[in-house]
Protein backbone atom coordinates (compact mmCIF):
# COMPACT_ATOMS: atom_id res chain seq x y z
CA MET A 1 122.08 71.98 29.52
CA ASN A 2 124.23 74.72 30.40
CA ASN A 3 126.19 72.20 33.27
CA PHE A 4 127.36 69.97 30.54
CA LEU A 5 128.08 72.35 28.07
CA PRO A 6 131.92 73.06 29.10
CA ASN A 7 132.30 69.43 28.63
CA VAL A 8 130.47 68.98 25.67
CA ARG A 9 132.81 71.82 23.79
CA ALA A 10 135.89 70.34 24.80
CA LEU A 11 134.88 66.52 24.08
CA ILE A 12 133.95 68.12 20.47
CA ALA A 13 137.26 70.25 20.47
CA GLU A 14 139.55 66.80 20.85
CA ALA A 15 137.48 65.05 18.51
CA LEU A 16 137.49 67.66 15.84
CA GLN A 17 141.12 68.54 16.93
CA VAL A 18 140.18 72.06 16.89
CA THR A 19 140.64 74.69 19.60
CA ILE A 20 137.63 74.77 22.20
CA ASP A 21 137.31 79.07 20.74
CA GLU A 22 136.15 77.20 17.90
CA ILE A 23 132.81 75.46 19.25
CA PRO A 24 130.35 77.99 19.84
CA PRO A 25 127.36 76.86 22.29
CA ASP A 26 124.86 76.56 19.76
CA LEU A 27 127.88 74.74 16.93
CA ALA A 28 125.78 71.91 14.75
CA PHE A 29 126.85 69.79 12.10
CA GLY A 30 128.50 70.97 9.34
CA GLY A 31 129.44 74.67 11.27
CA ILE A 32 132.94 74.13 10.73
CA LYS A 33 134.83 72.07 8.52
CA GLN A 34 136.12 69.64 10.86
CA TRP A 35 132.55 68.43 11.60
CA ASP A 36 131.39 66.13 8.44
CA SER A 37 130.51 62.83 8.49
CA MET A 38 133.43 61.43 9.88
CA GLY A 39 134.32 64.02 12.76
CA HIS A 40 130.55 63.74 13.69
CA MET A 41 131.49 59.18 14.23
CA GLY A 42 134.50 60.52 15.97
CA ILE A 43 132.14 62.72 18.02
CA LEU A 44 130.09 59.76 18.76
CA LEU A 45 132.96 57.23 19.36
CA LEU A 46 134.17 59.82 22.10
CA LEU A 47 130.77 60.12 23.69
CA GLU A 48 130.56 56.56 24.09
CA GLU A 49 134.04 56.30 25.26
CA ARG A 50 133.72 59.26 28.00
CA PHE A 51 130.91 59.63 28.69
CA SER A 52 129.62 55.72 28.98
CA VAL A 53 126.56 56.74 27.13
CA PRO A 54 124.14 54.92 25.19
CA ILE A 55 123.99 55.73 21.54
CA ASP A 56 122.36 53.98 19.25
CA ALA A 57 121.15 54.21 14.96
CA ASP A 58 118.64 55.88 15.92
CA VAL A 59 120.05 58.20 17.94
CA ILE A 60 123.25 58.95 15.77
CA ALA A 61 120.49 61.02 13.23
CA THR A 62 120.06 63.56 16.27
CA LEU A 63 123.28 64.24 18.26
CA THR A 64 123.70 67.05 15.52
CA SER A 65 124.10 70.03 17.90
CA VAL A 66 126.16 70.91 20.67
CA PRO A 67 122.81 71.54 22.80
CA ALA A 68 121.36 68.56 21.09
CA ILE A 69 124.51 66.30 22.78
CA CYS A 70 124.01 68.32 25.98
CA THR A 71 120.35 66.96 25.98
CA HIS A 72 121.24 63.42 25.95
CA LEU A 73 123.56 63.62 28.24
CA ALA A 74 121.82 65.23 30.64
CA GLU A 75 118.84 62.29 29.94
CA HIS A 76 121.05 59.51 30.50
CA GLU A 77 122.91 60.64 33.35
CA PRO A 78 126.74 60.14 32.16
CA VAL A 79 130.00 59.45 34.10
CA PHE A 80 132.48 62.37 33.90
CA SER A 81 135.33 60.78 35.39
CA GLU A 82 137.83 59.74 33.14
CA LYS A 83 138.27 56.09 32.30
CA THR A 84 141.34 54.25 33.80
CA ASP A 85 143.36 51.33 33.04
CA SER A 86 143.29 49.68 36.91
């Protein structure tokens, strides 16, 4: 999990439009007011876009914490490079 932690914290902070300091390593859905149902969808969309990881309907309900997201990424070996328009 720790290999993915900095990237996941940064992504969640971006998706929720908060500072990375507001995203502790154990943060879960509802842990801050911005991580509500709309914020959750923003996180999932950004995860798919940035890391090209599969997120289907069955997975959505399991990705409700920083540790769970890190585990999902570890299981699917995402690519951490930014997508380019080239």
